[in-house]
Amino acid sequence: MHRRLIVPSALAAFLLLAVPASAAQGTAGAPGIGDPYYPASGNGGYDVSHYDLRLKYQPATDLLEGTATILATPTQDLSRFDLDFGLDVSEVRVNGKTAKYAKSGTQELEITPAGTLAKGRALSVVVRYAGKPSELKIGGWTAWARTPDGGVAAQEPESAVWWFPSNDHPLDKATYDVSVSVPDGTQAISNGVLQSQSSKLGWTRFNWRSNKPQATYLATLAIGKFDITRDTTADGLPVLNAYSKDLGDNDGAARASVERTTEVAEWLTDVFGPYPFNALGGYVPNVTSGFALETQTRPFYSPKQFANGANVSVVVHELAHQWYGDSVSVDGWKDIWINEGFARYSQWLWSEKEGEGTAQELADYTYALHPADDAFWTVKPGDPGPDNQFHGAVYDRGALALQALRNKLGDETFFALLKGWPAEHAYGNAKVSDFVTYAERVSGTPLARFFDTWLYQPSRPEAPAWGAARTARSAGQPASWKKIAATNTIHDRG
């Protein structure tokens, strides 16, 4: 046998040819997606397309066991990548092979696959885990709420970390299958459409599917004992509303509000265009919090939202988010005005429709309520900062900006903008600057200075046509004001 001698330089060249370039050049994905408000949120190096979550939950002990299968595509040659997750992990497999993993910081699950993952090549990740979500605290709080008969995952800006591993930032949206096994007599509710339900050996499994791109914080899970109402819209969409059986005195008001979901959605379709998802509804679990959240297709409402009687305005707000916030999501959390300014303005439009105060009357009252030296005006809705992300000014000053835009452009152009934006950016992400550019293009009007004044200057804009010298009392309180103001805690962490 003749053996070929390979000298070192030739050997090096041979190895470079024999080993795929990706294996030689792979680098670790970033531990954050690059959001300056939340540097630890999300991760770099890959894009998720689908989450398949197979879960088992024991209400008596709060034990959650899960297997998450994540389908993704590397956006670079990856030697290592992170997922955001807080519970205990027992096994990780990447493309079917056992992978090394380690926890770091408060929510980083660092995964090292057996070999480099090539850019653009399909990737599957399987994570097996277990833990008690309510005992996991990050920054002193938890997104998982225990209830007398189960648990609920719903929070903003993060909630996934407490119940499934993910790329936890709105920039990386995906579709979902959520399959949950719970003791017989208990129900599991999630986003989208209930595909099937079956019972075996004392356990019932619920299989939910959300088939449009969905941000991780908009994924929700509610486990407990619920009264459920079902219906279909005129367009054939399934409607499912759920109410904990122990809501007490808030039960009637909650139902009187949430049962109007179909009516509100039909009205919003006239305002914002076709409803963007495959299901509709809402749920009210027995939690002690006071906030509500636009969890996709099935908003979450705390019972306290209905402590003073029915409040359809909160339903309007959360359903408006299905267009503004869910279908069109923030590019970064500084763009929160795209969510909250429009959702608040939808409440003003509902008031106008119901004859309880026009949007202009609500704008007049809001403007007069905050004198020029009020700290309210120092919050910039276009970039409020992480500490003021859910400040009242983002909502109310954000809505004032839209009423000012309506006055500037006229109703025909303004309402064309409201419909056109969710259609143009459906199932994607956008910045405040993208809306400015879009509004200028559609209206044919220079608007950069206008938006700078209303969204970015830390001072009260001049609005002489609104009677700047009027007091809140002389402006007159619209009939809808108290109901709208009652939703000001809508996104408090509780």
Protein backbone atom coordinates (compact mmCIF):
# COMPACT_ATOMS: atom_id res chain seq x y z
CA MET A 1 0.00 0.00 0.00
CA HIS A 2 1.36 3.40 -0.94
CA ARG A 3 0.85 6.04 1.73
CA ARG A 4 0.69 9.66 0.65
CA LEU A 5 2.71 11.99 2.85
CA ILE A 6 0.87 15.20 3.71
CA VAL A 7 3.11 18.00 4.84
CA PRO A 8 1.71 20.47 7.45
CA SER A 9 0.80 23.21 4.97
CA ALA A 10 -0.85 20.70 2.67
CA LEU A 11 -2.63 19.11 5.63
CA ALA A 12 -4.05 22.45 6.68
CA ALA A 13 -5.35 23.10 3.20
CA PHE A 14 -6.88 19.63 3.07
CA LEU A 15 -8.66 20.11 6.41
CA LEU A 16 -10.10 23.42 5.28
CA LEU A 17 -11.56 21.66 2.27
CA ALA A 18 -12.81 18.66 4.24
CA VAL A 19 -14.53 20.59 7.06
CA PRO A 20 -17.63 22.61 6.10
CA ALA A 21 -17.03 26.36 6.23
CA SER A 22 -19.83 26.70 8.78
CA ALA A 23 -18.04 24.40 11.19
CA ALA A 24 -14.88 26.48 10.94
CA GLN A 25 -16.60 29.86 11.18
CA GLY A 26 -19.52 29.31 13.56
CA THR A 27 -19.99 31.91 16.30
CA ALA A 28 -22.27 32.16 19.32
CA GLY A 29 -25.61 33.87 18.93
CA ALA A 30 -26.06 37.05 20.92
CA PRO A 31 -27.66 36.64 24.39
CA GLY A 32 -30.07 39.50 23.63
CA ILE A 33 -31.97 40.57 20.53
CA GLY A 34 -30.74 44.14 20.85
CA ASP A 35 -33.60 45.97 22.55
CA PRO A 36 -32.11 48.80 24.66
CA TYR A 37 -35.11 48.78 27.01
CA TYR A 38 -34.64 45.08 27.86
CA PRO A 39 -31.12 43.96 26.94
CA ALA A 40 -31.66 40.40 28.21
CA SER A 41 -34.83 39.84 26.19
CA GLY A 42 -34.68 37.70 23.11
CA ASN A 43 -31.58 36.28 21.47
CA GLY A 44 -29.59 36.61 18.28
CA GLY A 45 -28.54 34.12 15.63
CA TYR A 46 -31.80 32.43 14.70
CA ASP A 47 -35.45 32.99 13.81
CA VAL A 48 -38.23 30.80 15.23
CA SER A 49 -41.10 29.71 12.98
CA HIS A 50 -43.09 27.42 15.31
CA TYR A 51 -43.45 26.35 18.94
CA ASP A 52 -44.95 22.97 19.80
CA LEU A 53 -45.57 22.77 23.55
CA ARG A 54 -46.66 19.53 25.20
CA LEU A 55 -47.42 20.22 28.85
CA LYS A 56 -48.78 18.58 31.98
CA TYR A 57 -49.91 20.66 34.95
CA GLN A 58 -50.97 19.68 38.45
CA PRO A 59 -53.04 22.52 40.02
CA ALA A 60 -52.65 21.17 43.55
CA THR A 61 -48.86 21.51 43.53
CA ASP A 62 -48.24 24.05 40.72
CA LEU A 63 -45.94 21.51 39.04
CA LEU A 64 -45.57 22.12 35.32
CA GLU A 65 -43.84 19.48 33.19
CA GLY A 66 -43.12 20.20 29.56
CA THR A 67 -41.52 19.23 26.30
CA ALA A 68 -41.02 22.14 23.92
CA THR A 69 -40.14 21.54 20.29
CA ILE A 70 -38.91 24.69 18.60
CA LEU A 71 -38.54 24.98 14.83
CA ALA A 72 -36.15 27.70 13.71
CA THR A 73 -33.68 28.83 11.08
CA PRO A 74 -30.17 30.06 11.95
CA THR A 75 -29.46 33.55 10.64
CA GLN A 76 -25.73 32.95 11.02
CA ASP A 77 -23.45 29.95 11.37
CA LEU A 78 -24.07 29.06 15.01
CA SER A 79 -21.65 27.40 17.39
CA ARG A 80 -23.96 28.15 20.33
CA PHE A 81 -27.26 29.91 20.96
CA ASP A 82 -29.50 30.96 23.84
CA LEU A 83 -33.13 30.53 24.72
CA ASP A 84 -34.93 32.61 27.34
CA PHE A 85 -36.17 30.32 30.11
CA GLY A 86 -36.30 30.04 33.89
CA LEU A 87 -37.50 26.56 34.89
CA ASP A 88 -35.29 23.49 35.45
CA VAL A 89 -34.18 21.71 32.29
CA SER A 90 -33.44 17.96 32.15
CA GLU A 91 -32.54 17.46 28.50
CA VAL A 92 -31.86 19.39 25.31
CA ARG A 93 -31.62 17.96 21.82
CA VAL A 94 -30.69 19.88 18.67
CA ASN A 95 -31.58 18.29 15.34
CA GLY A 96 -32.15 15.04 17.21
CA LYS A 97 -28.76 14.95 18.92
CA THR A 98 -28.06 15.52 22.59
CA ALA A 99 -26.77 19.03 23.20
CA LYS A 100 -24.91 20.56 26.12
CA TYR A 101 -26.71 23.26 28.06
CA ALA A 102 -26.11 25.63 30.95
CA LYS A 103 -28.04 28.33 32.77
CA SER A 104 -26.68 31.85 33.14
CA GLY A 105 -28.08 35.09 34.49
CA THR A 106 -31.77 35.12 35.34
CA GLN A 107 -33.19 33.72 32.13
CA GLU A 108 -30.51 32.52 29.73
CA LEU A 109 -30.45 28.86 28.67
CA GLU A 110 -27.16 28.49 26.78
CA ILE A 111 -27.21 25.61 24.30
CA THR A 112 -24.15 24.13 22.62
CA PRO A 113 -25.07 21.68 19.83
CA ALA A 114 -22.91 18.71 18.83
CA GLY A 115 -21.78 20.60 15.72
CA THR A 116 -22.04 24.02 14.14
CA LEU A 117 -25.46 24.89 12.78
CA ALA A 118 -25.35 26.21 9.23
CA LYS A 119 -26.99 29.50 8.36
CA GLY A 120 -30.32 29.01 6.60
CA ARG A 121 -30.61 25.29 7.36
CA ALA A 122 -33.72 24.10 9.24
CA LEU A 123 -33.17 23.68 12.96
CA SER A 124 -35.18 21.78 15.59
CA VAL A 125 -34.66 22.11 19.33
CA VAL A 126 -36.30 19.88 21.93
CA VAL A 127 -36.22 20.98 25.59
CA ARG A 128 -37.56 18.85 28.44
CA TYR A 129 -38.25 20.69 31.67
CA ALA A 130 -40.22 20.89 34.90
CA GLY A 131 -40.78 23.30 37.76
CA LYS A 132 -43.21 25.45 39.72
CA PRO A 133 -43.69 28.67 37.72
CA SER A 134 -45.10 30.71 40.60
CA GLU A 135 -41.89 30.17 42.57
CA LEU A 136 -39.72 31.60 39.78
CA LYS A 137 -39.00 35.28 40.41
CA ILE A 138 -37.15 37.46 37.92
CA GLY A 139 -36.57 41.05 38.95
CA GLY A 140 -38.72 40.34 41.99
CA TRP A 141 -41.88 39.38 40.13
CA THR A 142 -43.52 36.50 38.31
CA ALA A 143 -45.72 36.31 35.22
CA TRP A 144 -47.42 33.17 36.52
CA ALA A 145 -50.38 33.69 38.86
CA ARG A 146 -51.68 30.90 41.08
CA THR A 147 -55.46 30.72 41.32
CA PRO A 148 -57.61 28.68 43.73
CA ASP A 149 -58.01 26.00 41.06
CA GLY A 150 -54.98 26.39 38.79
CA GLY A 151 -52.64 28.96 37.27
CA VAL A 152 -52.42 31.65 34.61
CA ALA A 153 -49.59 32.89 32.41
CA ALA A 154 -50.18 36.46 31.24
CA GLN A 155 -47.85 39.45 31.47
CA GLU A 156 -46.13 42.17 29.48
CA PRO A 157 -43.39 42.65 28.33
CA GLU A 158 -42.40 39.08 29.26
CA SER A 159 -44.33 35.97 30.26
CA ALA A 160 -42.94 33.05 28.27
CA VAL A 161 -39.86 32.65 30.49
CA TRP A 162 -42.08 31.23 33.22
CA TRP A 163 -43.64 28.41 31.18
CA PHE A 164 -41.79 27.66 27.95
CA PRO A 165 -38.33 28.26 26.42
CA SER A 166 -38.36 30.81 23.62
CA ASN A 167 -36.80 33.70 21.81
CA ASP A 168 -38.70 36.05 24.08
CA HIS A 169 -39.12 39.29 22.13
CA PRO A 170 -41.86 40.54 19.77
CA LEU A 171 -39.35 40.70 16.90
CA ASP A 172 -39.37 36.90 16.64
CA LYS A 173 -42.99 35.89 16.09
CA ALA A 174 -44.09 32.31 15.39
CA THR A 175 -47.09 30.00 15.18
CA TYR A 176 -48.08 27.77 18.12
CA ASP A 177 -49.46 24.39 19.04
CA VAL A 178 -50.14 24.18 22.79
CA SER A 179 -51.18 20.80 24.17
CA VAL A 180 -51.96 20.68 27.90
CA SER A 181 -52.91 17.75 30.11
CA VAL A 182 -54.77 18.56 33.35
CA PRO A 183 -56.76 16.54 35.89
CA ASP A 184 -60.29 15.64 34.76
CA GLY A 185 -62.74 18.39 35.66
CA THR A 186 -60.12 21.09 35.04
CA GLN A 187 -59.78 23.01 31.79
CA ALA A 188 -56.81 24.45 29.90
CA ILE A 189 -57.31 27.53 27.73
CA SER A 190 -54.82 29.03 25.33
CA ASN A 191 -54.67 31.06 22.12
CA GLY A 192 -56.40 30.30 18.85
CA VAL A 193 -58.70 27.36 18.14
CA LEU A 194 -59.28 24.24 20.25
CA GLN A 195 -58.34 21.47 17.83
CA SER A 196 -59.26 18.52 20.04
CA GLN A 197 -59.95 17.34 23.58
CA SER A 198 -59.58 13.84 25.02
CA SER A 199 -59.55 12.11 28.42
CA LYS A 200 -57.58 9.11 29.67
CA LEU A 201 -56.80 7.70 33.13
CA GLY A 202 -58.00 10.74 35.04
CA TRP A 203 -56.38 13.37 32.81
CA THR A 204 -57.85 15.54 30.05
CA ARG A 205 -55.71 16.91 27.22
CA PHE A 206 -56.58 20.13 25.40
CA ASN A 207 -54.91 20.88 22.05
CA TRP A 208 -54.86 24.52 20.94
CA ARG A 209 -53.52 26.03 17.73
CA SER A 210 -52.66 29.65 16.94
CA ASN A 211 -51.93 29.70 13.21
CA LYS A 212 -50.76 33.27 12.64
CA PRO A 213 -47.44 34.78 13.78
CA GLN A 214 -47.64 35.56 17.50
CA ALA A 215 -45.23 37.33 19.84
CA THR A 216 -44.13 35.30 22.86
CA TYR A 217 -45.67 37.67 25.43
CA LEU A 218 -49.00 37.25 23.64
CA ALA A 219 -49.02 33.49 24.23
CA THR A 220 -51.21 32.67 27.22
CA LEU A 221 -52.24 29.68 29.29
CA ALA A 222 -55.07 29.51 31.82
CA ILE A 223 -55.74 26.36 33.84
CA GLY A 224 -58.71 26.07 36.18
CA LYS A 225 -62.46 25.52 36.31
CA PHE A 226 -64.33 27.78 33.92
CA ASP A 227 -67.80 28.44 32.60
CA ILE A 228 -67.33 28.63 28.84
CA THR A 229 -69.55 30.27 26.23
CA ARG A 230 -69.16 29.54 22.53
CA ASP A 231 -70.45 31.23 19.40
CA THR A 232 -69.41 32.03 15.84
CA THR A 233 -69.18 35.39 14.13
CA ALA A 234 -71.08 36.25 10.96
CA ASP A 235 -67.86 35.38 9.12
CA GLY A 236 -67.67 31.96 10.77
CA LEU A 237 -64.90 32.63 13.29
CA PRO A 238 -65.16 30.62 16.52
CA VAL A 239 -65.77 32.73 19.62
CA LEU A 240 -64.84 31.33 23.04
CA ASN A 241 -65.15 33.23 26.30
CA ALA A 242 -64.26 31.73 29.68
CA TYR A 243 -65.05 32.81 33.25
CA SER A 244 -63.70 31.31 36.44
CA LYS A 245 -66.52 29.68 38.41
CA ASP A 246 -65.58 31.66 41.53
CA LEU A 247 -65.57 35.29 40.36
CA GLY A 248 -68.02 36.26 43.07
CA ASP A 249 -69.70 39.64 42.76
CA ASN A 250 -67.65 40.52 39.65
CA ASP A 251 -69.10 37.64 37.65
CA GLY A 252 -72.12 39.41 36.19
CA ALA A 253 -70.25 42.56 35.19
CA ALA A 254 -67.44 40.52 33.64
CA ARG A 255 -69.88 38.56 31.50
CA ALA A 256 -71.87 41.68 30.57
CA SER A 257 -68.64 43.15 29.22
CA VAL A 258 -66.78 40.23 27.62
CA GLU A 259 -69.92 38.77 26.02
CA ARG A 260 -69.95 41.87 23.81
CA THR A 261 -66.65 40.79 22.25
CA THR A 262 -68.21 39.84 18.91
CA GLU A 263 -70.10 43.14 18.67
CA VAL A 264 -66.96 45.14 19.46
CA ALA A 265 -64.86 43.15 17.00
CA GLU A 266 -67.38 43.73 14.22
CA TRP A 267 -67.29 47.47 14.91
CA LEU A 268 -63.48 47.50 15.00
CA THR A 269 -63.46 45.74 11.63
CA ASP A 270 -65.22 48.81 10.22
CA VAL A 271 -62.52 51.02 11.77
CA PHE A 272 -59.32 48.99 11.27
CA GLY A 273 -60.17 46.53 8.48
CA PRO A 274 -60.61 42.73 8.48
CA TYR A 275 -60.00 40.91 11.75
CA PRO A 276 -56.53 39.38 11.40
CA PHE A 277 -56.81 36.03 13.26
CA ASN A 278 -58.59 32.67 13.29
CA ALA A 279 -60.43 32.97 16.61
CA LEU A 280 -62.00 35.49 18.97
CA GLY A 281 -62.84 35.65 22.64
CA GLY A 282 -61.59 36.52 26.11
CA TYR A 283 -61.17 35.03 29.57
CA VAL A 284 -61.55 36.19 33.16
CA PRO A 285 -59.69 33.99 35.67
CA ASN A 286 -59.90 34.36 39.44
CA VAL A 287 -56.68 36.34 39.90
CA THR A 288 -55.95 39.14 42.34
CA SER A 289 -54.27 41.42 39.77
CA GLY A 290 -55.98 44.43 38.24
CA PHE A 291 -54.64 44.52 34.71
CA ALA A 292 -55.82 43.29 31.31
CA LEU A 293 -53.71 42.08 28.40
CA GLU A 294 -54.19 41.66 24.65
CA THR A 295 -53.16 37.98 24.55
CA GLN A 296 -53.64 37.07 20.90
CA THR A 297 -57.19 36.00 19.91
CA ARG A 298 -58.17 35.65 23.58
CA PRO A 299 -57.51 38.70 25.78
CA PHE A 300 -56.97 38.29 29.51
CA TYR A 301 -59.07 40.36 31.94
CA SER A 302 -58.59 40.61 35.69
CA PRO A 303 -61.88 40.52 37.63
CA LYS A 304 -61.02 43.91 39.18
CA GLN A 305 -61.56 45.50 35.77
CA PHE A 306 -65.26 44.92 36.44
CA ALA A 307 -65.37 45.78 40.15
CA ASN A 308 -67.49 48.88 39.48
CA GLY A 309 -69.80 47.25 36.97
CA ALA A 310 -69.63 46.35 33.30
CA ASN A 311 -66.93 48.13 31.31
CA VAL A 312 -67.02 47.46 27.58
CA SER A 313 -64.30 50.07 27.11
CA VAL A 314 -61.64 47.66 28.38
CA VAL A 315 -62.84 45.07 25.85
CA VAL A 316 -62.55 47.70 23.11
CA HIS A 317 -58.98 48.45 24.20
CA GLU A 318 -57.80 44.84 24.22
CA LEU A 319 -59.53 43.93 20.98
CA ALA A 320 -58.09 47.01 19.24
CA HIS A 321 -54.69 45.54 20.10
CA GLN A 322 -55.44 42.55 17.88
CA TRP A 323 -54.71 44.91 15.00
CA TYR A 324 -52.40 47.39 16.74
CA GLY A 325 -49.94 45.40 18.82
CA ASP A 326 -50.69 41.78 17.90
CA SER A 327 -50.87 41.65 14.11
CA VAL A 328 -48.60 44.70 13.80
CA SER A 329 -46.18 44.37 16.72
CA VAL A 330 -43.51 46.67 18.04
CA ASP A 331 -40.06 46.49 16.48
CA GLY A 332 -38.62 47.44 19.88
CA TRP A 333 -40.32 48.24 23.16
CA LYS A 334 -39.66 51.97 22.67
CA ASP A 335 -42.28 51.79 19.88
CA ILE A 336 -45.04 51.09 22.41
CA TRP A 337 -47.11 54.06 21.14
CA ILE A 338 -48.00 51.95 18.10
CA ASN A 339 -49.79 49.67 20.57
CA GLU A 340 -51.15 51.87 23.33
CA GLY A 341 -51.86 55.18 21.63
CA PHE A 342 -54.11 53.49 19.10
CA ALA A 343 -55.81 51.20 21.60
CA ARG A 344 -56.65 54.18 23.82
CA TYR A 345 -57.88 56.14 20.81
CA SER A 346 -60.17 53.23 19.91
CA GLN A 347 -61.82 53.74 23.31
CA TRP A 348 -62.40 57.37 22.38
CA LEU A 349 -63.93 56.30 19.06
CA TRP A 350 -66.19 53.81 20.86
CA SER A 351 -67.33 56.62 23.16
CA GLU A 352 -68.09 58.70 20.08
CA LYS A 353 -70.09 55.84 18.55
CA GLU A 354 -72.02 55.28 21.79
CA GLY A 355 -72.89 58.98 22.16
CA GLU A 356 -70.97 59.29 25.44
CA GLY A 357 -68.52 61.95 24.31
CA THR A 358 -66.78 62.52 20.99
CA ALA A 359 -63.09 61.87 20.50
CA GLN A 360 -62.61 65.65 20.29
CA GLU A 361 -64.45 66.20 23.58
CA LEU A 362 -62.28 63.55 25.22
CA ALA A 363 -59.19 65.20 23.74
CA ASP A 364 -60.31 68.61 25.02
CA TYR A 365 -60.87 67.23 28.49
CA THR A 366 -57.59 65.31 28.57
CA TYR A 367 -55.62 68.30 27.32
CA ALA A 368 -57.19 70.65 29.84
CA LEU A 369 -56.71 68.17 32.66
CA HIS A 370 -52.92 68.48 32.38
CA PRO A 371 -51.55 72.04 32.70
CA ALA A 372 -48.29 72.95 31.03
CA ASP A 373 -46.22 72.28 34.17
CA ASP A 374 -47.68 68.79 34.65
CA ALA A 375 -45.02 66.05 34.52
CA PHE A 376 -47.44 64.25 32.20
CA TRP A 377 -45.99 66.27 29.32
CA THR A 378 -42.40 65.28 30.05
CA VAL A 379 -43.11 61.67 29.03
CA LYS A 380 -42.42 61.16 25.33
CA PRO A 381 -44.85 58.61 23.85
CA GLY A 382 -42.56 57.96 20.89
CA ASP A 383 -39.72 56.83 23.18
CA PRO A 384 -40.87 56.93 26.81
CA GLY A 385 -38.04 54.88 28.33
CA PRO A 386 -38.45 51.53 30.09
CA ASP A 387 -39.59 53.10 33.36
CA ASN A 388 -42.41 54.98 31.61
CA GLN A 389 -43.33 52.38 29.03
CA PHE A 390 -46.86 52.07 30.43
CA HIS A 391 -47.18 55.61 31.78
CA GLY A 392 -50.58 57.22 31.34
CA ALA A 393 -49.04 59.73 28.93
CA VAL A 394 -48.21 56.95 26.46
CA TYR A 395 -51.94 56.21 26.37
CA ASP A 396 -53.54 59.63 26.68
CA ARG A 397 -50.90 61.85 25.09
CA GLY A 398 -50.60 59.12 22.47
CA ALA A 399 -54.33 59.36 21.77
CA LEU A 400 -54.13 63.17 21.73
CA ALA A 401 -51.56 62.89 18.96
CA LEU A 402 -54.03 60.85 16.91
CA GLN A 403 -56.86 63.31 17.44
CA ALA A 404 -54.51 66.12 16.40
CA LEU A 405 -53.61 64.09 13.31
CA ARG A 406 -57.30 63.59 12.54
CA ASN A 407 -57.87 67.33 12.79
CA LYS A 408 -54.90 68.01 10.54
CA LEU A 409 -55.73 65.50 7.79
CA GLY A 410 -59.52 65.27 7.94
CA ASP A 411 -61.64 62.21 8.58
CA GLU A 412 -61.41 60.62 5.13
CA THR A 413 -57.61 60.50 5.07
CA PHE A 414 -57.27 59.77 8.79
CA PHE A 415 -59.54 56.73 8.78
CA ALA A 416 -57.90 55.48 5.60
CA LEU A 417 -54.64 55.52 7.55
CA LEU A 418 -56.17 53.54 10.40
CA LYS A 419 -57.28 50.81 7.99
CA GLY A 420 -54.25 50.86 5.73
CA TRP A 421 -51.54 50.51 8.39
CA PRO A 422 -52.58 47.06 9.75
CA ALA A 423 -53.07 45.80 6.20
CA GLU A 424 -49.64 46.99 5.05
CA HIS A 425 -47.77 45.55 8.06
CA ALA A 426 -49.95 42.51 8.83
CA TYR A 427 -48.24 39.87 11.00
CA GLY A 428 -45.04 41.90 11.11
CA ASN A 429 -43.23 44.48 13.23
CA ALA A 430 -42.88 48.22 12.89
CA LYS A 431 -41.31 51.31 14.41
CA VAL A 432 -42.93 54.63 15.23
CA SER A 433 -40.81 56.11 12.44
CA ASP A 434 -42.38 53.61 10.02
CA PHE A 435 -45.82 54.97 10.87
CA VAL A 436 -44.63 58.54 10.34
CA THR A 437 -43.25 57.61 6.91
CA TYR A 438 -46.42 55.73 6.04
CA ALA A 439 -48.69 58.60 7.12
CA GLU A 440 -46.69 61.08 5.06
CA ARG A 441 -46.82 58.84 1.99
CA VAL A 442 -50.55 58.12 2.18
CA SER A 443 -51.61 61.65 3.11
CA GLY A 444 -49.14 63.46 0.88
CA THR A 445 -48.44 65.77 3.83
CA PRO A 446 -45.10 66.49 5.57
CA LEU A 447 -45.64 65.25 9.13
CA ALA A 448 -42.17 64.88 10.69
CA ARG A 449 -42.44 68.13 12.68
CA PHE A 450 -46.01 67.33 13.72
CA PHE A 451 -45.06 63.93 15.16
CA ASP A 452 -41.93 65.31 16.77
CA THR A 453 -44.08 67.83 18.64
CA TRP A 454 -46.68 65.33 19.81
CA LEU A 455 -44.54 62.28 20.44
CA TYR A 456 -41.00 63.39 21.24
CA GLN A 457 -40.95 66.85 22.83
CA PRO A 458 -41.06 66.86 26.67
CA SER A 459 -43.50 69.76 26.78
CA ARG A 460 -47.15 70.54 26.24
CA PRO A 461 -47.90 71.09 22.52
CA GLU A 462 -49.77 74.23 21.57
CA ALA A 463 -53.36 73.48 20.66
CA PRO A 464 -55.17 76.83 20.53
CA ALA A 465 -58.15 75.38 18.69
CA TRP A 466 -58.77 73.16 21.71
CA GLY A 467 -59.08 76.12 24.05
CA ALA A 468 -55.70 75.86 25.76
CA ALA A 469 -56.77 78.27 28.50
CA ARG A 470 -59.79 76.19 29.51
CA THR A 471 -59.72 74.29 32.76
CA ALA A 472 -60.68 70.66 33.08
CA ARG A 473 -63.90 71.75 34.73
CA SER A 474 -64.88 74.20 31.99
CA ALA A 475 -64.06 71.63 29.33
CA GLY A 476 -66.74 69.37 30.78
CA GLN A 477 -66.24 65.72 31.64
CA PRO A 478 -67.53 63.41 28.90
CA ALA A 479 -69.90 60.67 30.06
CA SER A 480 -67.42 57.95 29.08
CA TRP A 481 -64.50 59.44 30.97
CA LYS A 482 -64.80 57.41 34.18
CA LYS A 483 -65.12 54.11 32.33
CA ILE A 484 -62.07 54.92 30.22
CA ALA A 485 -60.10 56.15 33.24
CA ALA A 486 -60.94 52.90 35.04
CA THR A 487 -58.78 51.12 32.47
CA ASN A 488 -55.68 53.20 33.25
CA THR A 489 -54.24 50.31 35.25
CA ILE A 490 -54.73 48.08 32.26
CA HIS A 491 -51.10 47.01 32.00
CA ASP A 492 -49.93 47.42 35.58
CA ARG A 493 -48.11 44.27 36.60
CA GLY A 494 -50.45 43.85 39.53
